[in-house]
Amino acid sequence: MKIYVVRHGETAWNLENKVCGVTDLPLNGTGRAQAIKTAQVLQDKPIDLIFCSPMKRARETADILNAKKGLPILLDPRLREQDYGCFEGAPRNDPDFLSHKKLFATCYPGGESHMKTAQRVYTFLEEAKRDYAGKNLLVVCHGGICRIIESYFHDLSNEEFFRFGVKNCEVREYEL
């Protein structure tokens, strides 16, 4: 069973290097173009079902990726981006944001912790493994969720977890 994981296309805040989190932004023109290119990359991949975050930027990406495939798209709130609380809209290089990003068990003020986010994402992956054995899945989600999915499949040191990132519309492939 394969799982293909795609981070959504670019948004205005990605372009401005701001923390997006649960702020529900649509794709910009570049993001839509990225999704069209990624659809070509995925064209010949054996995908049976698509799971998607319910957030606009992920849903729009999934719709573009699915335009020629016509597969069912299942929205799953567990794939929603991490809630970064008071850091929503802050510059990604904000020292307080970066410092807090290293505190895995502590919630961002007004948001959620990496550990709470990992719990919901790991639960999704365990259920997918059980309920869709033998199927190949496409998961369209967010940068923070991609980081947690990577940690499910590969051991990461705290520093590796902190530094791990995927580009907009990058495809990662895992064996589930």
N, C-alpha and C. Protein backbone atom coordinates (compact mmCIF):
# COMPACT_ATOMS: atom_id res chain seq x y z
N MET A 1 0.85 -1.18 0.00
CA MET A 1 0.00 0.00 0.00
C MET A 1 0.89 1.24 0.00
N LYS A 2 0.67 2.09 -0.98
CA LYS A 2 1.44 3.33 -1.07
C LYS A 2 0.57 4.50 -0.62
N ILE A 3 1.26 5.48 -0.05
CA ILE A 3 0.61 6.73 0.28
C ILE A 3 1.46 7.85 -0.32
N TYR A 4 0.81 8.64 -1.15
CA TYR A 4 1.45 9.80 -1.76
C TYR A 4 0.97 11.02 -0.97
N VAL A 5 1.88 11.82 -0.50
CA VAL A 5 1.54 12.99 0.31
C VAL A 5 1.97 14.23 -0.46
N VAL A 6 1.03 15.16 -0.61
CA VAL A 6 1.30 16.40 -1.33
C VAL A 6 0.93 17.57 -0.43
N ARG A 7 1.86 18.49 -0.30
CA ARG A 7 1.54 19.75 0.36
C ARG A 7 0.79 20.62 -0.66
N HIS A 8 -0.16 21.39 -0.18
CA HIS A 8 -0.94 22.28 -1.05
C HIS A 8 -0.05 23.23 -1.83
N GLY A 9 -0.63 23.85 -2.87
CA GLY A 9 0.07 24.86 -3.66
C GLY A 9 0.23 26.16 -2.88
N GLU A 10 0.97 27.07 -3.47
CA GLU A 10 1.31 28.33 -2.83
C GLU A 10 0.10 29.22 -2.57
N THR A 11 0.14 29.92 -1.43
CA THR A 11 -0.85 30.93 -1.07
C THR A 11 -0.13 32.27 -0.95
N ALA A 12 -0.90 33.32 -0.80
CA ALA A 12 -0.31 34.66 -0.61
C ALA A 12 0.63 34.67 0.60
N TRP A 13 0.21 34.03 1.69
CA TRP A 13 1.05 34.04 2.90
C TRP A 13 2.30 33.19 2.72
N ASN A 14 2.25 32.11 1.93
CA ASN A 14 3.48 31.37 1.65
C ASN A 14 4.46 32.28 0.92
N LEU A 15 3.97 33.01 -0.06
CA LEU A 15 4.80 33.93 -0.83
C LEU A 15 5.42 35.00 0.08
N GLU A 16 4.64 35.47 1.06
CA GLU A 16 5.11 36.50 1.99
C GLU A 16 5.88 35.92 3.17
N ASN A 17 6.07 34.59 3.18
CA ASN A 17 6.80 33.88 4.24
C ASN A 17 6.16 34.09 5.61
N LYS A 18 4.83 33.99 5.66
CA LYS A 18 4.08 34.11 6.91
C LYS A 18 3.58 32.74 7.36
N VAL A 19 3.38 32.58 8.65
CA VAL A 19 2.81 31.37 9.23
C VAL A 19 1.33 31.31 8.85
N CYS A 20 0.93 30.24 8.16
CA CYS A 20 -0.48 30.11 7.72
C CYS A 20 -1.34 29.39 8.74
N GLY A 21 -0.91 28.23 9.21
CA GLY A 21 -1.69 27.49 10.20
C GLY A 21 -3.13 27.29 9.77
N VAL A 22 -4.05 27.62 10.67
CA VAL A 22 -5.48 27.39 10.41
C VAL A 22 -6.16 28.57 9.73
N THR A 23 -5.40 29.59 9.36
CA THR A 23 -5.97 30.68 8.57
C THR A 23 -6.31 30.10 7.20
N ASP A 24 -7.58 30.19 6.82
CA ASP A 24 -8.09 29.46 5.66
C ASP A 24 -7.93 30.27 4.37
N LEU A 25 -6.75 30.20 3.78
CA LEU A 25 -6.42 30.95 2.59
C LEU A 25 -6.57 30.11 1.32
N PRO A 26 -6.96 30.73 0.20
CA PRO A 26 -7.00 30.02 -1.07
C PRO A 26 -5.61 30.00 -1.72
N LEU A 27 -5.48 29.24 -2.78
CA LEU A 27 -4.26 29.25 -3.58
C LEU A 27 -4.16 30.58 -4.32
N ASN A 28 -2.92 30.98 -4.62
CA ASN A 28 -2.73 32.10 -5.54
C ASN A 28 -2.48 31.51 -6.94
N GLY A 29 -2.21 32.35 -7.92
CA GLY A 29 -1.99 31.87 -9.28
C GLY A 29 -0.84 30.89 -9.39
N THR A 30 0.24 31.18 -8.67
CA THR A 30 1.39 30.27 -8.68
C THR A 30 1.00 28.93 -8.08
N GLY A 31 0.22 28.94 -7.01
CA GLY A 31 -0.23 27.70 -6.37
C GLY A 31 -1.07 26.84 -7.31
N ARG A 32 -1.94 27.48 -8.08
CA ARG A 32 -2.75 26.72 -9.04
C ARG A 32 -1.86 26.13 -10.14
N ALA A 33 -0.88 26.91 -10.61
CA ALA A 33 0.06 26.40 -11.62
C ALA A 33 0.89 25.23 -11.07
N GLN A 34 1.31 25.34 -9.81
CA GLN A 34 2.07 24.25 -9.17
C GLN A 34 1.22 22.97 -9.13
N ALA A 35 -0.06 23.12 -8.78
CA ALA A 35 -0.94 21.96 -8.70
C ALA A 35 -1.14 21.31 -10.07
N ILE A 36 -1.24 22.11 -11.11
CA ILE A 36 -1.37 21.57 -12.46
C ILE A 36 -0.13 20.75 -12.83
N LYS A 37 1.06 21.26 -12.50
CA LYS A 37 2.30 20.51 -12.77
C LYS A 37 2.36 19.22 -11.95
N THR A 38 1.93 19.30 -10.68
CA THR A 38 1.96 18.12 -9.83
C THR A 38 0.95 17.08 -10.32
N ALA A 39 -0.17 17.52 -10.87
CA ALA A 39 -1.15 16.58 -11.44
C ALA A 39 -0.50 15.77 -12.55
N GLN A 40 0.37 16.39 -13.33
CA GLN A 40 1.08 15.66 -14.38
C GLN A 40 2.04 14.63 -13.79
N VAL A 41 2.70 14.99 -12.68
CA VAL A 41 3.61 14.06 -12.01
C VAL A 41 2.83 12.84 -11.49
N LEU A 42 1.63 13.08 -10.99
CA LEU A 42 0.82 12.01 -10.39
C LEU A 42 -0.02 11.25 -11.41
N GLN A 43 -0.05 11.72 -12.63
CA GLN A 43 -0.94 11.18 -13.65
C GLN A 43 -0.89 9.66 -13.76
N ASP A 44 0.31 9.10 -13.75
CA ASP A 44 0.45 7.65 -13.94
C ASP A 44 0.61 6.88 -12.63
N LYS A 45 0.48 7.56 -11.51
CA LYS A 45 0.59 6.88 -10.22
C LYS A 45 -0.72 6.13 -9.96
N PRO A 46 -0.62 4.93 -9.41
CA PRO A 46 -1.82 4.12 -9.16
C PRO A 46 -2.53 4.57 -7.87
N ILE A 47 -3.35 5.57 -7.98
CA ILE A 47 -4.05 6.13 -6.82
C ILE A 47 -5.51 5.68 -6.85
N ASP A 48 -5.99 5.18 -5.71
CA ASP A 48 -7.37 4.68 -5.62
C ASP A 48 -8.32 5.66 -4.94
N LEU A 49 -7.78 6.49 -4.06
CA LEU A 49 -8.62 7.34 -3.22
C LEU A 49 -7.82 8.54 -2.76
N ILE A 50 -8.51 9.68 -2.60
CA ILE A 50 -7.84 10.90 -2.16
C ILE A 50 -8.41 11.34 -0.82
N PHE A 51 -7.52 11.60 0.13
CA PHE A 51 -7.89 12.20 1.41
C PHE A 51 -7.35 13.62 1.41
N CYS A 52 -8.11 14.53 1.99
CA CYS A 52 -7.74 15.93 1.91
C CYS A 52 -8.13 16.67 3.18
N SER A 53 -7.29 17.60 3.56
CA SER A 53 -7.64 18.57 4.60
C SER A 53 -8.85 19.35 4.13
N PRO A 54 -9.72 19.75 5.06
CA PRO A 54 -10.89 20.54 4.66
C PRO A 54 -10.58 22.01 4.38
N MET A 55 -9.33 22.42 4.52
CA MET A 55 -8.99 23.83 4.31
C MET A 55 -8.93 24.18 2.82
N LYS A 56 -9.28 25.42 2.49
CA LYS A 56 -9.42 25.87 1.09
C LYS A 56 -8.20 25.54 0.24
N ARG A 57 -7.02 25.85 0.72
CA ARG A 57 -5.82 25.67 -0.10
C ARG A 57 -5.56 24.21 -0.42
N ALA A 58 -5.87 23.32 0.51
CA ALA A 58 -5.70 21.89 0.26
C ALA A 58 -6.82 21.37 -0.64
N ARG A 59 -8.05 21.78 -0.40
CA ARG A 59 -9.18 21.32 -1.23
C ARG A 59 -8.99 21.75 -2.68
N GLU A 60 -8.58 22.99 -2.89
CA GLU A 60 -8.37 23.48 -4.25
C GLU A 60 -7.25 22.69 -4.92
N THR A 61 -6.18 22.41 -4.20
CA THR A 61 -5.09 21.60 -4.74
C THR A 61 -5.59 20.21 -5.10
N ALA A 62 -6.34 19.58 -4.20
CA ALA A 62 -6.86 18.23 -4.46
C ALA A 62 -7.77 18.22 -5.68
N ASP A 63 -8.61 19.23 -5.83
CA ASP A 63 -9.50 19.30 -6.99
C ASP A 63 -8.70 19.36 -8.29
N ILE A 64 -7.64 20.15 -8.30
CA ILE A 64 -6.80 20.25 -9.50
C ILE A 64 -6.09 18.93 -9.76
N LEU A 65 -5.55 18.31 -8.72
CA LEU A 65 -4.85 17.03 -8.87
C LEU A 65 -5.79 15.94 -9.37
N ASN A 66 -7.06 16.06 -9.03
CA ASN A 66 -8.05 15.03 -9.33
C ASN A 66 -8.83 15.31 -10.62
N ALA A 67 -8.57 16.42 -11.29
CA ALA A 67 -9.39 16.82 -12.43
C ALA A 67 -9.51 15.73 -13.50
N LYS A 68 -8.42 15.04 -13.78
CA LYS A 68 -8.46 14.00 -14.82
C LYS A 68 -8.70 12.61 -14.25
N LYS A 69 -8.46 12.43 -12.95
CA LYS A 69 -8.61 11.11 -12.34
C LYS A 69 -10.06 10.81 -11.97
N GLY A 70 -10.77 11.82 -11.48
CA GLY A 70 -12.17 11.63 -11.09
C GLY A 70 -12.37 10.68 -9.93
N LEU A 71 -11.47 10.71 -8.97
CA LEU A 71 -11.55 9.82 -7.81
C LEU A 71 -12.36 10.45 -6.69
N PRO A 72 -12.84 9.63 -5.76
CA PRO A 72 -13.49 10.21 -4.57
C PRO A 72 -12.47 11.00 -3.76
N ILE A 73 -12.89 12.16 -3.26
CA ILE A 73 -12.07 12.97 -2.35
C ILE A 73 -12.77 12.98 -1.00
N LEU A 74 -12.10 12.45 0.01
CA LEU A 74 -12.66 12.40 1.36
C LEU A 74 -11.98 13.48 2.20
N LEU A 75 -12.77 14.41 2.71
CA LEU A 75 -12.23 15.45 3.59
C LEU A 75 -12.09 14.88 4.98
N ASP A 76 -10.94 15.10 5.59
CA ASP A 76 -10.69 14.60 6.93
C ASP A 76 -10.11 15.72 7.79
N PRO A 77 -10.84 16.14 8.83
CA PRO A 77 -10.37 17.26 9.65
C PRO A 77 -9.06 16.99 10.38
N ARG A 78 -8.67 15.74 10.51
CA ARG A 78 -7.39 15.42 11.15
C ARG A 78 -6.21 15.87 10.31
N LEU A 79 -6.45 16.16 9.03
CA LEU A 79 -5.39 16.61 8.13
C LEU A 79 -5.30 18.13 8.05
N ARG A 80 -6.14 18.83 8.81
CA ARG A 80 -6.09 20.28 8.90
C ARG A 80 -4.72 20.68 9.44
N GLU A 81 -4.23 21.83 9.01
CA GLU A 81 -2.92 22.28 9.48
C GLU A 81 -2.92 22.50 10.98
N GLN A 82 -1.75 22.46 11.57
CA GLN A 82 -1.59 22.72 12.99
C GLN A 82 -2.04 24.15 13.29
N ASP A 83 -2.64 24.34 14.45
CA ASP A 83 -3.07 25.66 14.90
C ASP A 83 -1.89 26.31 15.62
N TYR A 84 -1.35 27.36 15.00
CA TYR A 84 -0.20 28.05 15.57
C TYR A 84 -0.59 29.22 16.47
N GLY A 85 -1.87 29.31 16.79
CA GLY A 85 -2.35 30.29 17.77
C GLY A 85 -1.96 31.71 17.44
N CYS A 86 -1.34 32.38 18.41
CA CYS A 86 -1.00 33.80 18.26
C CYS A 86 0.02 34.06 17.16
N PHE A 87 0.64 33.00 16.60
CA PHE A 87 1.63 33.18 15.55
C PHE A 87 1.04 33.13 14.15
N GLU A 88 -0.28 32.93 14.03
CA GLU A 88 -0.93 32.96 12.72
C GLU A 88 -0.64 34.33 12.07
N GLY A 89 -0.09 34.32 10.88
CA GLY A 89 0.22 35.56 10.17
C GLY A 89 1.57 36.18 10.52
N ALA A 90 2.26 35.60 11.50
CA ALA A 90 3.58 36.12 11.88
C ALA A 90 4.61 35.72 10.82
N PRO A 91 5.71 36.45 10.73
CA PRO A 91 6.79 36.02 9.83
C PRO A 91 7.32 34.65 10.27
N ARG A 92 7.61 33.78 9.32
CA ARG A 92 8.08 32.43 9.65
C ARG A 92 9.43 32.47 10.37
N ASN A 93 10.17 33.55 10.22
CA ASN A 93 11.47 33.65 10.90
C ASN A 93 11.38 34.42 12.21
N ASP A 94 10.17 34.66 12.71
CA ASP A 94 9.98 35.34 13.99
C ASP A 94 10.69 34.52 15.08
N PRO A 95 11.59 35.13 15.85
CA PRO A 95 12.35 34.38 16.86
C PRO A 95 11.46 33.67 17.89
N ASP A 96 10.37 34.31 18.30
CA ASP A 96 9.48 33.67 19.27
C ASP A 96 8.79 32.45 18.66
N PHE A 97 8.38 32.56 17.40
CA PHE A 97 7.76 31.42 16.71
C PHE A 97 8.76 30.28 16.60
N LEU A 98 9.98 30.59 16.15
CA LEU A 98 10.99 29.55 15.98
C LEU A 98 11.37 28.90 17.30
N SER A 99 11.45 29.69 18.35
CA SER A 99 11.75 29.14 19.67
C SER A 99 10.63 28.20 20.13
N HIS A 100 9.40 28.63 19.94
CA HIS A 100 8.26 27.81 20.37
C HIS A 100 8.13 26.55 19.52
N LYS A 101 8.56 26.61 18.28
CA LYS A 101 8.48 25.45 17.37
C LYS A 101 9.29 24.26 17.90
N LYS A 102 10.26 24.54 18.76
CA LYS A 102 11.09 23.47 19.33
C LYS A 102 10.49 22.85 20.59
N LEU A 103 9.37 23.35 21.06
CA LEU A 103 8.72 22.85 22.28
C LEU A 103 7.59 21.92 21.88
N PHE A 104 7.89 20.65 21.72
CA PHE A 104 6.95 19.70 21.14
C PHE A 104 5.70 19.45 21.96
N ALA A 105 5.82 19.50 23.27
CA ALA A 105 4.68 19.16 24.13
C ALA A 105 3.93 20.40 24.63
N THR A 106 4.36 21.57 24.23
CA THR A 106 3.74 22.81 24.68
C THR A 106 2.90 23.40 23.55
N CYS A 107 1.67 23.76 23.88
CA CYS A 107 0.79 24.36 22.88
C CYS A 107 1.29 25.76 22.53
N TYR A 108 1.20 26.10 21.25
CA TYR A 108 1.40 27.49 20.87
C TYR A 108 0.33 28.29 21.61
N PRO A 109 0.62 29.48 22.13
CA PRO A 109 -0.40 30.25 22.83
C PRO A 109 -1.65 30.43 21.95
N GLY A 110 -2.77 29.89 22.42
CA GLY A 110 -4.01 29.93 21.67
C GLY A 110 -4.11 28.87 20.59
N GLY A 111 -3.15 27.96 20.51
CA GLY A 111 -3.13 26.95 19.46
C GLY A 111 -2.93 25.55 20.00
N GLU A 112 -2.23 24.71 19.26
CA GLU A 112 -2.02 23.32 19.68
C GLU A 112 -0.54 22.97 19.61
N SER A 113 -0.18 21.91 20.31
CA SER A 113 1.20 21.45 20.33
C SER A 113 1.47 20.50 19.17
N HIS A 114 2.75 20.27 18.92
CA HIS A 114 3.12 19.28 17.90
C HIS A 114 2.60 17.90 18.31
N MET A 115 2.68 17.59 19.60
CA MET A 115 2.25 16.27 20.05
C MET A 115 0.75 16.06 19.85
N LYS A 116 -0.05 17.06 20.13
CA LYS A 116 -1.50 16.93 19.91
C LYS A 116 -1.79 16.80 18.42
N THR A 117 -1.07 17.54 17.61
CA THR A 117 -1.26 17.44 16.17
C THR A 117 -0.84 16.05 15.68
N ALA A 118 0.29 15.56 16.17
CA ALA A 118 0.77 14.23 15.78
C ALA A 118 -0.23 13.16 16.17
N GLN A 119 -0.87 13.31 17.31
CA GLN A 119 -1.85 12.30 17.74
C GLN A 119 -2.97 12.16 16.71
N ARG A 120 -3.49 13.28 16.22
CA ARG A 120 -4.60 13.18 15.25
C ARG A 120 -4.12 12.67 13.89
N VAL A 121 -2.90 13.07 13.49
CA VAL A 121 -2.37 12.61 12.20
C VAL A 121 -2.00 11.13 12.26
N TYR A 122 -1.37 10.70 13.35
CA TYR A 122 -1.02 9.29 13.50
C TYR A 122 -2.28 8.43 13.54
N THR A 123 -3.34 8.90 14.19
CA THR A 123 -4.60 8.16 14.22
C THR A 123 -5.15 8.01 12.80
N PHE A 124 -5.10 9.08 12.02
CA PHE A 124 -5.53 9.01 10.62
C PHE A 124 -4.73 7.94 9.88
N LEU A 125 -3.40 7.94 10.02
CA LEU A 125 -2.56 6.98 9.30
C LEU A 125 -2.84 5.55 9.73
N GLU A 126 -3.02 5.33 11.01
CA GLU A 126 -3.34 3.98 11.50
C GLU A 126 -4.68 3.49 10.95
N GLU A 127 -5.68 4.36 10.94
CA GLU A 127 -6.99 3.99 10.38
C GLU A 127 -6.90 3.74 8.88
N ALA A 128 -6.13 4.54 8.18
CA ALA A 128 -5.96 4.34 6.74
C ALA A 128 -5.32 2.99 6.46
N LYS A 129 -4.30 2.64 7.24
CA LYS A 129 -3.62 1.36 7.08
C LYS A 129 -4.60 0.21 7.30
N ARG A 130 -5.45 0.33 8.30
CA ARG A 130 -6.42 -0.72 8.63
C ARG A 130 -7.58 -0.77 7.62
N ASP A 131 -8.15 0.39 7.31
CA ASP A 131 -9.40 0.43 6.54
C ASP A 131 -9.20 0.40 5.02
N TYR A 132 -7.99 0.72 4.55
CA TYR A 132 -7.75 0.81 3.11
C TYR A 132 -6.56 -0.03 2.68
N ALA A 133 -6.34 -1.14 3.40
CA ALA A 133 -5.24 -2.04 3.06
C ALA A 133 -5.36 -2.44 1.59
N GLY A 134 -4.24 -2.40 0.89
CA GLY A 134 -4.23 -2.78 -0.52
C GLY A 134 -4.58 -1.65 -1.47
N LYS A 135 -4.96 -0.51 -0.95
CA LYS A 135 -5.29 0.66 -1.78
C LYS A 135 -4.12 1.64 -1.73
N ASN A 136 -3.97 2.41 -2.79
CA ASN A 136 -2.97 3.47 -2.82
C ASN A 136 -3.69 4.79 -2.62
N LEU A 137 -3.18 5.57 -1.69
CA LEU A 137 -3.87 6.80 -1.27
C LEU A 137 -3.05 8.03 -1.60
N LEU A 138 -3.76 9.09 -1.95
CA LEU A 138 -3.17 10.41 -2.08
C LEU A 138 -3.69 11.24 -0.92
N VAL A 139 -2.79 11.87 -0.18
CA VAL A 139 -3.15 12.73 0.94
C VAL A 139 -2.69 14.14 0.59
N VAL A 140 -3.64 15.08 0.57
CA VAL A 140 -3.33 16.47 0.27
C VAL A 140 -3.49 17.26 1.57
N CYS A 141 -2.40 17.86 2.02
CA CYS A 141 -2.42 18.49 3.34
C CYS A 141 -1.51 19.71 3.39
N HIS A 142 -0.79 19.89 4.47
CA HIS A 142 -0.07 21.12 4.79
C HIS A 142 1.35 20.80 5.23
N GLY A 143 2.19 21.84 5.27
CA GLY A 143 3.58 21.66 5.64
C GLY A 143 3.79 21.04 7.01
N GLY A 144 3.07 21.53 8.02
CA GLY A 144 3.20 20.96 9.37
C GLY A 144 2.74 19.52 9.42
N ILE A 145 1.71 19.20 8.67
CA ILE A 145 1.19 17.82 8.64
C ILE A 145 2.17 16.93 7.90
N CYS A 146 2.77 17.44 6.82
CA CYS A 146 3.80 16.67 6.11
C CYS A 146 4.97 16.32 7.03
N ARG A 147 5.34 17.26 7.89
CA ARG A 147 6.44 17.04 8.84
C ARG A 147 6.06 15.88 9.79
N ILE A 148 4.85 15.89 10.26
CA ILE A 148 4.41 14.84 11.18
C ILE A 148 4.30 13.49 10.46
N ILE A 149 3.81 13.50 9.22
CA ILE A 149 3.76 12.26 8.45
C ILE A 149 5.17 11.71 8.25
N GLU A 150 6.12 12.56 7.95
CA GLU A 150 7.52 12.11 7.81
C GLU A 150 8.00 11.46 9.11
N SER A 151 7.62 12.03 10.26
CA SER A 151 8.04 11.46 11.55
C SER A 151 7.36 10.13 11.85
N TYR A 152 6.22 9.88 11.24
CA TYR A 152 5.54 8.59 11.40
C TYR A 152 6.34 7.48 10.71
N PHE A 153 6.89 7.81 9.54
CA PHE A 153 7.60 6.81 8.74
C PHE A 153 9.09 6.73 9.01
N HIS A 154 9.68 7.82 9.52
CA HIS A 154 11.13 7.87 9.73
C HIS A 154 11.42 8.53 11.07
N ASP A 155 12.33 7.91 11.83
CA ASP A 155 12.76 8.54 13.07
C ASP A 155 13.49 9.84 12.74
N LEU A 156 13.15 10.88 13.46
CA LEU A 156 13.79 12.18 13.28
C LEU A 156 14.26 12.67 14.65
N SER A 157 15.45 13.21 14.69
CA SER A 157 15.87 13.87 15.93
C SER A 157 15.02 15.13 16.08
N ASN A 158 15.07 15.74 17.25
CA ASN A 158 14.33 16.98 17.45
C ASN A 158 14.76 18.03 16.44
N GLU A 159 16.04 18.14 16.19
CA GLU A 159 16.55 19.12 15.24
C GLU A 159 16.10 18.80 13.81
N GLU A 160 16.12 17.52 13.44
CA GLU A 160 15.65 17.12 12.10
C GLU A 160 14.15 17.44 11.94
N PHE A 161 13.38 17.17 12.97
CA PHE A 161 11.95 17.49 12.93
C PHE A 161 11.75 18.99 12.76
N PHE A 162 12.47 19.77 13.54
CA PHE A 162 12.38 21.23 13.49
C PHE A 162 12.70 21.76 12.09
N ARG A 163 13.69 21.19 11.45
CA ARG A 163 14.17 21.69 10.15
C ARG A 163 13.46 21.08 8.95
N PHE A 164 12.73 19.97 9.14
CA PHE A 164 12.11 19.29 8.01
C PHE A 164 11.04 20.17 7.36
N GLY A 165 11.02 20.17 6.06
CA GLY A 165 10.00 20.92 5.34
C GLY A 165 9.83 20.37 3.94
N VAL A 166 8.67 20.62 3.36
CA VAL A 166 8.42 20.26 1.97
C VAL A 166 7.95 21.53 1.24
N LYS A 167 8.25 21.58 -0.03
CA LYS A 167 7.85 22.73 -0.83
C LYS A 167 6.37 22.61 -1.21
N ASN A 168 5.79 23.71 -1.62
CA ASN A 168 4.42 23.68 -2.10
C ASN A 168 4.31 22.73 -3.29
N CYS A 169 3.33 21.84 -3.21
CA CYS A 169 3.02 20.83 -4.23
C CYS A 169 4.12 19.78 -4.42
N GLU A 170 5.02 19.66 -3.46
CA GLU A 170 6.00 18.57 -3.49
C GLU A 170 5.29 17.27 -3.17
N VAL A 171 5.69 16.21 -3.86
CA VAL A 171 5.12 14.87 -3.65
C VAL A 171 6.11 14.03 -2.85
N ARG A 172 5.63 13.42 -1.78
CA ARG A 172 6.42 12.46 -1.00
C ARG A 172 5.71 11.11 -1.10
N GLU A 173 6.47 10.04 -1.18
CA GLU A 173 5.89 8.71 -1.33
C GLU A 173 6.35 7.82 -0.18
N TYR A 174 5.39 7.11 0.41
CA TYR A 174 5.67 6.21 1.54
C TYR A 174 4.99 4.87 1.30
N GLU A 175 5.53 3.85 1.93
CA GLU A 175 4.90 2.54 1.94
C GLU A 175 4.20 2.39 3.28
N LEU A 176 2.89 2.23 3.24
CA LEU A 176 2.12 2.14 4.50
C LEU A 176 1.80 0.70 4.82
